Protein backbone atom coordinates (compact mmCIF):
# COMPACT_ATOMS: atom_id res chain seq x y z
CA MET A 1 37.45 20.69 64.49
CA GLU A 2 34.28 22.13 62.36
CA TYR A 3 31.12 23.66 64.37
CA ASN A 4 27.33 24.56 63.05
CA PHE A 5 27.26 27.70 62.69
CA TYR A 6 24.16 28.31 65.13
CA ASP A 7 25.52 26.05 67.40
CA VAL A 8 28.28 28.22 67.87
CA LEU A 9 25.86 30.93 67.75
CA ALA A 10 23.82 29.83 70.42
CA TRP A 11 26.74 28.87 72.95
CA HIS A 12 28.30 32.56 72.86
CA TYR A 13 24.97 34.41 72.46
CA ASP A 14 23.85 35.38 76.10
CA GLU A 15 27.74 36.78 75.52
CA MET A 16 27.16 38.57 73.06
CA GLN A 17 23.89 40.20 74.56
CA SER A 18 25.75 41.00 77.93
CA ASP A 19 24.78 44.46 77.50
CA MET A 20 20.72 43.85 77.28
CA ASP A 21 19.15 44.68 80.82
CA THR A 22 17.30 41.39 80.60
CA HIS A 23 15.12 42.52 83.96
CA HIS A 24 14.18 45.87 81.87
CA TRP A 25 12.85 44.19 79.27
CA ALA A 26 11.12 41.79 80.83
CA ASP A 27 9.54 44.59 83.39
CA LEU A 28 8.99 46.89 80.88
CA LEU A 29 6.77 43.71 79.01
CA ASP A 30 4.95 43.43 82.04
CA SER A 31 3.92 46.19 81.81
CA LEU A 32 2.81 46.56 78.60
CA ILE A 33 0.89 43.22 78.84
CA LYS A 34 -1.27 44.75 82.02
CA LYS A 35 -1.74 47.83 80.17
CA HIS A 36 -3.20 46.91 76.97
CA GLY A 37 -4.31 43.35 77.26
CA LYS A 38 -8.24 43.07 77.19
CA ILE A 39 -8.03 39.83 79.42
CA SER A 40 -6.16 38.18 81.93
CA VAL A 41 -2.91 36.86 80.67
CA ASN A 42 -1.38 34.01 81.96
CA SER A 43 0.05 32.03 79.07
CA ILE A 44 2.69 33.38 76.73
CA THR A 45 4.46 32.26 74.26
CA ASP A 46 7.78 33.49 72.85
CA LEU A 47 8.62 33.18 68.69
CA GLY A 48 12.48 33.19 68.27
CA CYS A 49 12.92 32.57 72.20
CA GLY A 50 16.47 32.17 71.78
CA THR A 51 17.96 31.28 74.83
CA GLY A 52 15.37 32.44 77.43
CA SER A 53 17.09 34.89 79.29
CA VAL A 54 13.73 36.88 79.19
CA ASP A 55 11.15 33.93 79.32
CA ILE A 56 12.56 32.72 82.99
CA LEU A 57 11.83 36.40 83.89
CA LEU A 58 8.69 35.67 83.09
CA ALA A 59 8.40 33.03 84.16
CA ASP A 60 9.48 34.22 87.51
CA LYS A 61 6.64 36.58 87.32
CA GLY A 62 4.32 34.22 87.37
CA TYR A 63 3.38 33.59 83.38
CA GLN A 64 3.09 30.02 82.08
CA ILE A 65 5.93 30.19 78.74
CA THR A 66 6.61 28.44 75.77
CA GLY A 67 9.24 29.00 74.02
CA ILE A 68 9.68 28.19 69.95
CA ASP A 69 12.84 28.47 68.09
CA SER A 70 14.32 26.43 65.26
CA ALA A 71 17.90 26.73 66.49
CA GLU A 72 18.39 23.56 68.54
CA GLY A 73 21.43 24.84 70.05
CA MET A 74 19.39 27.79 71.42
CA LEU A 75 16.95 25.64 73.12
CA VAL A 76 19.73 23.58 74.68
CA GLU A 77 20.69 26.62 76.35
CA ALA A 78 17.83 27.97 77.41
CA SER A 79 16.59 25.36 78.94
CA SER A 80 20.25 24.50 80.43
CA LYS A 81 18.53 28.11 82.79
CA ASP A 82 15.76 26.26 83.53
CA PRO A 83 15.89 23.09 85.60
CA GLU A 84 12.71 22.83 87.02
CA GLY A 85 11.11 22.71 83.67
CA ARG A 86 8.69 25.09 83.98
CA ILE A 87 8.99 26.43 80.80
CA ILE A 88 8.06 24.69 77.58
CA TRP A 89 10.56 24.64 74.99
CA SER A 90 9.32 23.78 71.60
CA LEU A 91 11.74 22.98 68.27
CA GLN A 92 9.85 24.50 66.07
CA ASP A 93 9.63 27.04 62.64
CA ILE A 94 8.26 30.67 63.58
CA THR A 95 6.61 31.25 60.10
CA ASP A 96 4.56 27.46 60.77
CA PHE A 97 4.10 26.56 64.01
CA GLU A 98 1.86 24.31 66.47
CA LEU A 99 -0.10 24.60 69.87
CA PRO A 100 -1.95 22.75 71.49
CA GLU A 101 -4.44 25.51 72.88
CA ASN A 102 -4.25 29.08 72.16
CA THR A 103 -2.27 31.28 74.10
CA ASP A 104 -3.24 34.56 75.33
CA CYS A 105 0.51 36.52 74.30
CA PHE A 106 2.56 36.08 71.77
CA LEU A 107 5.94 37.79 71.81
CA SER A 108 8.93 37.81 69.56
CA LEU A 109 12.08 40.03 70.76
CA LEU A 110 15.53 40.84 69.57
CA ASP A 111 14.30 42.49 66.22
CA THR A 112 13.54 38.20 65.24
CA LEU A 113 10.96 39.08 62.48
CA ASP A 114 13.18 41.08 60.59
CA HIS A 115 14.91 38.24 60.47
CA ILE A 116 12.08 37.23 57.63
CA MET A 117 13.03 38.38 54.63
CA GLU A 118 10.07 37.59 52.51
CA PRO A 119 6.68 39.84 53.62
CA GLU A 120 4.46 37.18 52.34
CA VAL A 121 6.18 34.91 55.42
CA LEU A 122 5.89 37.38 57.72
CA GLN A 123 2.34 38.11 56.56
CA ARG A 124 1.39 34.31 57.45
CA VAL A 125 3.64 34.73 60.92
CA PHE A 126 0.84 37.56 61.45
CA ASP A 127 -1.93 35.01 60.63
CA LYS A 128 -0.65 32.33 62.47
CA VAL A 129 -0.59 34.60 65.53
CA SER A 130 -3.62 35.64 64.90
CA GLU A 131 -5.31 32.19 64.48
CA ASN A 132 -3.40 31.10 67.74
CA LEU A 133 -4.11 34.15 69.85
CA ASN A 134 -6.94 34.16 72.42
CA ALA A 135 -9.55 37.22 71.43
CA GLY A 136 -8.48 40.48 73.77
CA GLY A 137 -4.93 38.94 73.92
CA LEU A 138 -1.24 40.87 72.62
CA PHE A 139 1.05 40.35 69.89
CA ILE A 140 3.89 41.81 71.47
CA PHE A 141 7.19 42.58 69.49
CA ASP A 142 10.25 45.15 68.26
CA VAL A 143 12.01 45.51 65.10
CA ILE A 144 15.01 47.83 64.22
CA THR A 145 14.55 51.01 62.91
CA GLU A 146 16.15 51.99 59.62
CA LYS A 147 18.45 54.29 61.74
CA HIS A 148 20.15 51.42 63.08
CA LEU A 149 20.75 49.50 60.08
CA GLU A 150 21.62 52.86 57.76
CA GLU A 151 24.24 54.28 60.70
CA THR A 152 24.96 52.21 63.79
CA LEU A 153 25.78 48.72 61.63
CA GLY A 154 26.33 50.34 58.46
CA ASP A 155 29.27 49.13 55.83
CA ASN A 156 31.27 48.52 59.01
CA ILE A 157 34.11 46.12 60.61
CA PHE A 158 33.41 45.31 64.00
CA TYR A 159 35.41 43.37 66.17
CA GLU A 160 34.95 42.27 69.94
CA ASP A 161 37.31 40.11 71.80
CA TYR A 162 35.71 37.91 74.46
CA GLU A 163 37.44 36.16 77.20
CA ASP A 164 37.15 32.02 75.32
CA PHE A 165 36.25 33.07 71.78
CA THR A 166 36.86 36.34 69.20
CA LEU A 167 33.91 37.49 67.40
CA LEU A 168 34.41 39.40 63.76
CA TRP A 169 31.41 40.89 62.20
CA GLN A 170 31.63 42.66 58.16
CA ASN A 171 28.89 44.17 57.92
CA ARG A 172 26.54 45.64 54.69
CA TYR A 173 23.52 47.56 54.83
CA ASP A 174 21.79 47.84 50.99
CA LYS A 175 19.57 50.95 50.97
CA ASP A 176 17.52 49.86 48.12
CA THR A 177 17.09 46.40 49.37
CA LYS A 178 16.38 47.31 52.76
CA ILE A 179 18.49 43.99 53.51
CA ASN A 180 21.47 43.97 56.22
CA THR A 181 23.94 41.22 55.98
CA ALA A 182 25.96 40.36 58.91
CA GLU A 183 29.06 37.95 58.20
CA LEU A 184 29.96 36.63 61.18
CA THR A 185 33.34 34.93 62.27
CA PHE A 186 33.72 33.08 65.28
CA PHE A 187 37.17 31.57 66.45
CA THR A 188 36.31 29.78 69.78
CA LEU A 189 39.19 28.99 71.87
CA ARG A 190 40.43 25.24 72.53
CA GLY A 191 41.58 23.50 75.73
CA ASP A 192 45.18 23.47 73.84
CA GLY A 193 45.10 26.77 73.27
CA ALA A 194 44.34 26.97 69.45
CA TYR A 195 41.23 28.12 68.17
CA ASP A 196 38.09 26.26 66.07
CA ARG A 197 36.77 28.55 63.63
CA ALA A 198 32.94 29.65 62.55
CA ASP A 199 31.81 30.96 59.80
CA GLY A 200 28.05 32.64 59.12
CA ASP A 201 25.72 35.26 58.00
CA LEU A 202 22.67 36.71 59.43
CA VAL A 203 20.11 38.59 57.31
CA GLU A 204 17.67 41.35 57.61
CA ARG A 205 15.15 42.87 56.37
CA PHE A 206 14.15 46.46 57.51
CA TYR A 207 9.98 47.09 57.11
CA ALA A 208 8.47 50.03 58.24
CA LEU A 209 5.61 50.64 60.36
CA ASP A 210 3.04 51.65 58.20
CA LEU A 211 3.54 47.84 56.43
CA ILE A 212 4.12 45.83 59.75
CA GLU A 213 0.82 47.65 60.75
CA LYS A 214 -1.32 46.68 57.67
CA MET A 215 0.06 43.60 58.05
CA GLY A 216 -1.61 43.17 61.56
CA ALA A 217 -4.64 44.39 60.49
CA LYS A 218 -4.62 42.21 57.41
CA SER A 219 -4.49 39.49 60.09
CA GLY A 220 -7.53 40.55 62.54
CA LEU A 221 -4.60 42.05 64.75
CA LYS A 222 -4.95 45.95 66.01
CA LEU A 223 -2.26 48.65 66.55
CA ALA A 224 -2.65 49.67 69.72
CA SER A 225 0.57 51.09 70.91
CA THR A 226 4.24 52.06 70.02
CA LEU A 227 7.42 52.47 72.19
CA SER A 228 10.69 53.46 71.55
CA GLU A 229 13.29 54.20 73.97
CA ASP A 230 15.94 54.87 72.13
CA GLU A 231 16.56 55.39 68.11
CA GLU A 232 17.52 52.09 67.44
CA ARG A 233 14.41 49.62 68.25
CA VAL A 234 11.06 49.98 68.60
CA PHE A 235 7.71 48.04 70.14
CA MET A 236 4.37 47.61 68.50
CA VAL A 237 1.77 46.17 70.42
CA PHE A 238 -0.94 44.54 68.74
CA ILE A 239 -4.59 43.02 70.05
CA LYS A 240 -6.87 40.72 68.68
CA GLU A 241 -10.36 42.17 69.65
């Protein structure tokens, strides 16, 4: 039986991210919001929310959350963690989304923006964020470093054997185009002991921080802070003044 690759990715996403300290991420984002926001931030919109693990924790802190993702399977997983319906889960493209009203803060986590391959489309995301962000509000996101792509991932093959699935990951990073291609193969264990296979590619581009800063400025967003806890990713905080 064949499955949609992105549905399979959604089913296994949390286990693949099991080494991520979601509580630390939620605390970090909360601290950045409180430090840099020029308004009292109540509403947050997460672009590319995935399975919503961090959003759930931010809702626990009292924020009103909207999670946007273009993968229905991701939103199914996210909503299953939110039985009380505290969060609005919205099936939309983050490059062309609509909101009923402006928000106080936008988030985009786990290098979601790096998966936007065309700079002009990324610029459009900044434009949409600025249009839908309250004055004094924030746009907080993380991007991967070139070290992560060139050295950590590089031209390597990775193998992970989980309890109910196996993941093969063949990676290629092109230093000239700054494009990284991860060819993923999932083997998911069935009840009869056999495995179903699903294949797909995840592609992302390295964007230099100065280019991202210029994109933000072009959309009326000012870079307020950058934060790097390691050499693998950088958090950027923009403010709409």
